[in-house]
N, C-alpha and C. Protein backbone atom coordinates (compact mmCIF):
# COMPACT_ATOMS: atom_id res chain seq x y z
N MET A 1 218.74 150.35 233.59
CA MET A 1 217.44 150.82 233.22
C MET A 1 216.94 150.03 232.01
N PRO A 2 216.03 149.10 232.21
CA PRO A 2 215.49 148.35 231.08
C PRO A 2 214.65 149.25 230.16
N TYR A 3 214.75 148.95 228.88
CA TYR A 3 213.99 149.68 227.87
C TYR A 3 213.29 148.66 227.01
N VAL A 4 211.96 148.73 226.96
CA VAL A 4 211.15 147.80 226.17
C VAL A 4 210.47 148.61 225.07
N ASN A 5 210.57 148.15 223.83
CA ASN A 5 209.90 148.81 222.72
C ASN A 5 208.90 147.83 222.12
N ILE A 6 207.63 148.16 222.24
CA ILE A 6 206.56 147.33 221.70
C ILE A 6 206.08 148.00 220.41
N LYS A 7 206.06 147.24 219.34
CA LYS A 7 205.57 147.76 218.07
C LYS A 7 204.29 147.01 217.72
N ILE A 8 203.25 147.80 217.46
CA ILE A 8 201.96 147.23 217.07
C ILE A 8 201.46 147.98 215.83
N THR A 9 200.58 147.33 215.09
CA THR A 9 199.99 148.04 213.95
C THR A 9 198.99 149.05 214.47
N LYS A 10 198.88 150.14 213.73
CA LYS A 10 198.00 151.25 214.11
C LYS A 10 196.57 150.89 213.69
N GLU A 11 195.89 150.22 214.60
CA GLU A 11 194.53 149.78 214.28
C GLU A 11 193.58 149.99 215.46
N GLY A 12 193.83 151.02 216.22
CA GLY A 12 192.86 151.38 217.24
C GLY A 12 193.03 150.76 218.60
N ALA A 13 194.25 150.44 219.00
CA ALA A 13 194.45 150.00 220.38
C ALA A 13 194.02 151.14 221.29
N THR A 14 193.25 150.83 222.29
CA THR A 14 192.74 151.87 223.19
C THR A 14 193.81 152.28 224.19
N ALA A 15 193.58 153.42 224.82
CA ALA A 15 194.49 153.88 225.86
C ALA A 15 194.56 152.85 226.99
N ALA A 16 193.43 152.24 227.31
CA ALA A 16 193.40 151.22 228.37
C ALA A 16 194.23 149.99 227.99
N GLN A 17 194.15 149.59 226.73
CA GLN A 17 194.93 148.44 226.28
C GLN A 17 196.42 148.75 226.31
N LYS A 18 196.78 149.96 225.91
CA LYS A 18 198.19 150.35 225.94
C LYS A 18 198.69 150.41 227.39
N GLU A 19 197.85 150.89 228.28
CA GLU A 19 198.21 150.92 229.69
C GLU A 19 198.48 149.50 230.21
N GLN A 20 197.64 148.55 229.79
CA GLN A 20 197.84 147.15 230.18
C GLN A 20 199.15 146.61 229.64
N LEU A 21 199.49 146.95 228.40
CA LEU A 21 200.75 146.51 227.81
C LEU A 21 201.94 147.06 228.60
N ILE A 22 201.87 148.34 228.94
CA ILE A 22 202.95 148.98 229.70
C ILE A 22 203.09 148.32 231.08
N GLN A 23 201.98 148.13 231.76
CA GLN A 23 202.02 147.51 233.08
C GLN A 23 202.51 146.07 233.01
N GLY A 24 202.02 145.34 232.01
CA GLY A 24 202.40 143.93 231.86
C GLY A 24 203.87 143.74 231.53
N ALA A 25 204.38 144.55 230.61
CA ALA A 25 205.80 144.45 230.24
C ALA A 25 206.69 144.81 231.43
N THR A 26 206.29 145.84 232.15
CA THR A 26 207.04 146.25 233.34
C THR A 26 207.05 145.13 234.37
N GLN A 27 205.89 144.56 234.63
CA GLN A 27 205.79 143.50 235.64
C GLN A 27 206.58 142.27 235.22
N LEU A 28 206.61 141.96 233.94
CA LEU A 28 207.38 140.82 233.45
C LEU A 28 208.87 141.00 233.78
N LEU A 29 209.39 142.19 233.57
CA LEU A 29 210.80 142.45 233.88
C LEU A 29 211.05 142.40 235.39
N VAL A 30 210.08 142.82 236.17
CA VAL A 30 210.19 142.73 237.63
C VAL A 30 210.23 141.26 238.04
N ASP A 31 209.28 140.48 237.53
CA ASP A 31 209.14 139.07 237.92
C ASP A 31 210.30 138.20 237.45
N VAL A 32 210.73 138.38 236.21
CA VAL A 32 211.73 137.48 235.62
C VAL A 32 213.16 137.92 235.94
N LEU A 33 213.42 139.22 235.87
CA LEU A 33 214.79 139.70 236.03
C LEU A 33 215.02 140.51 237.31
N GLY A 34 213.96 140.71 238.09
CA GLY A 34 214.11 141.47 239.32
C GLY A 34 214.40 142.95 239.11
N LYS A 35 213.97 143.48 237.97
CA LYS A 35 214.24 144.89 237.65
C LYS A 35 213.34 145.83 238.46
N ASN A 36 213.83 147.03 238.66
CA ASN A 36 213.09 148.05 239.38
C ASN A 36 212.05 148.66 238.45
N PRO A 37 210.76 148.59 238.79
CA PRO A 37 209.74 149.14 237.90
C PRO A 37 209.85 150.65 237.73
N LYS A 38 210.42 151.33 238.70
CA LYS A 38 210.54 152.79 238.62
C LYS A 38 211.57 153.24 237.59
N THR A 39 212.45 152.34 237.18
CA THR A 39 213.45 152.70 236.17
C THR A 39 213.25 151.94 234.86
N THR A 40 212.12 151.25 234.74
CA THR A 40 211.82 150.48 233.53
C THR A 40 211.02 151.36 232.57
N VAL A 41 211.52 151.48 231.36
CA VAL A 41 210.90 152.32 230.34
C VAL A 41 210.22 151.42 229.31
N VAL A 42 208.96 151.72 229.00
CA VAL A 42 208.23 150.98 227.97
C VAL A 42 207.69 152.00 226.97
N VAL A 43 208.00 151.77 225.69
CA VAL A 43 207.54 152.64 224.62
C VAL A 43 206.71 151.81 223.65
N ILE A 44 205.56 152.33 223.27
CA ILE A 44 204.72 151.65 222.28
C ILE A 44 204.75 152.49 221.00
N ASP A 45 205.19 151.86 219.92
CA ASP A 45 205.16 152.49 218.60
C ASP A 45 204.02 151.88 217.80
N GLU A 46 203.17 152.74 217.27
CA GLU A 46 202.09 152.28 216.41
C GLU A 46 202.50 152.51 214.96
N VAL A 47 202.51 151.45 214.17
CA VAL A 47 202.98 151.50 212.80
C VAL A 47 201.79 151.32 211.86
N ASP A 48 201.68 152.19 210.89
CA ASP A 48 200.64 152.07 209.88
C ASP A 48 200.81 150.74 209.15
N THR A 49 199.73 150.08 208.84
CA THR A 49 199.81 148.77 208.18
C THR A 49 200.45 148.83 206.80
N ASP A 50 200.47 150.02 206.17
CA ASP A 50 201.19 150.18 204.91
C ASP A 50 202.70 150.06 205.12
N ASN A 51 203.16 150.31 206.34
CA ASN A 51 204.58 150.29 206.67
C ASN A 51 205.00 149.02 207.40
N TRP A 52 204.14 148.01 207.41
CA TRP A 52 204.41 146.76 208.12
C TRP A 52 204.24 145.64 207.10
N GLY A 53 205.26 144.82 206.95
CA GLY A 53 205.18 143.74 205.97
C GLY A 53 205.39 142.38 206.61
N ILE A 54 204.69 141.40 206.08
CA ILE A 54 204.85 140.00 206.49
C ILE A 54 204.91 139.16 205.23
N GLY A 55 205.93 138.34 205.11
CA GLY A 55 206.05 137.47 203.95
C GLY A 55 206.13 138.21 202.63
N GLY A 56 206.70 139.41 202.66
CA GLY A 56 206.88 140.18 201.44
C GLY A 56 205.67 141.00 201.01
N GLU A 57 204.63 141.03 201.86
CA GLU A 57 203.44 141.81 201.52
C GLU A 57 203.08 142.78 202.62
N GLN A 58 202.50 143.91 202.22
CA GLN A 58 202.02 144.87 203.20
C GLN A 58 200.87 144.26 203.98
N VAL A 59 200.84 144.55 205.26
CA VAL A 59 199.75 144.05 206.10
C VAL A 59 198.41 144.58 205.61
N THR A 60 198.39 145.81 205.10
CA THR A 60 197.14 146.38 204.57
C THR A 60 196.54 145.45 203.52
N LYS A 61 197.38 145.00 202.58
CA LYS A 61 196.89 144.12 201.52
C LYS A 61 196.52 142.74 202.05
N LEU A 62 197.30 142.24 202.99
CA LEU A 62 196.98 140.94 203.59
C LEU A 62 195.63 140.98 204.30
N ARG A 63 195.36 142.06 204.98
CA ARG A 63 194.08 142.19 205.70
C ARG A 63 192.92 142.30 204.71
N GLN A 64 193.14 142.97 203.59
CA GLN A 64 192.09 143.11 202.58
C GLN A 64 191.76 141.75 201.97
N LYS A 65 192.78 140.92 201.79
CA LYS A 65 192.57 139.58 201.22
C LYS A 65 191.77 138.68 202.16
N SER A 66 191.94 138.88 203.44
CA SER A 66 191.30 138.00 204.42
C SER A 66 189.86 138.37 204.71
N LYS A 67 189.38 139.46 204.11
CA LYS A 67 187.98 139.88 204.34
C LYS A 67 187.03 139.12 203.49
């Protein structure tokens, strides 16, 4: 049973976009590894940008700098 965990920042991904991610990740495992889509689990975790860091800085601050 494949398990895929997708982590994205919590910035308003729509239900439709999440559905596309779930379908796409499932299909990738079917296409590449021949896995059964009925037993493939995909979980999307949305992480607040205060809890996500890149290069030693919070994403929240990085996004504020780029505005």
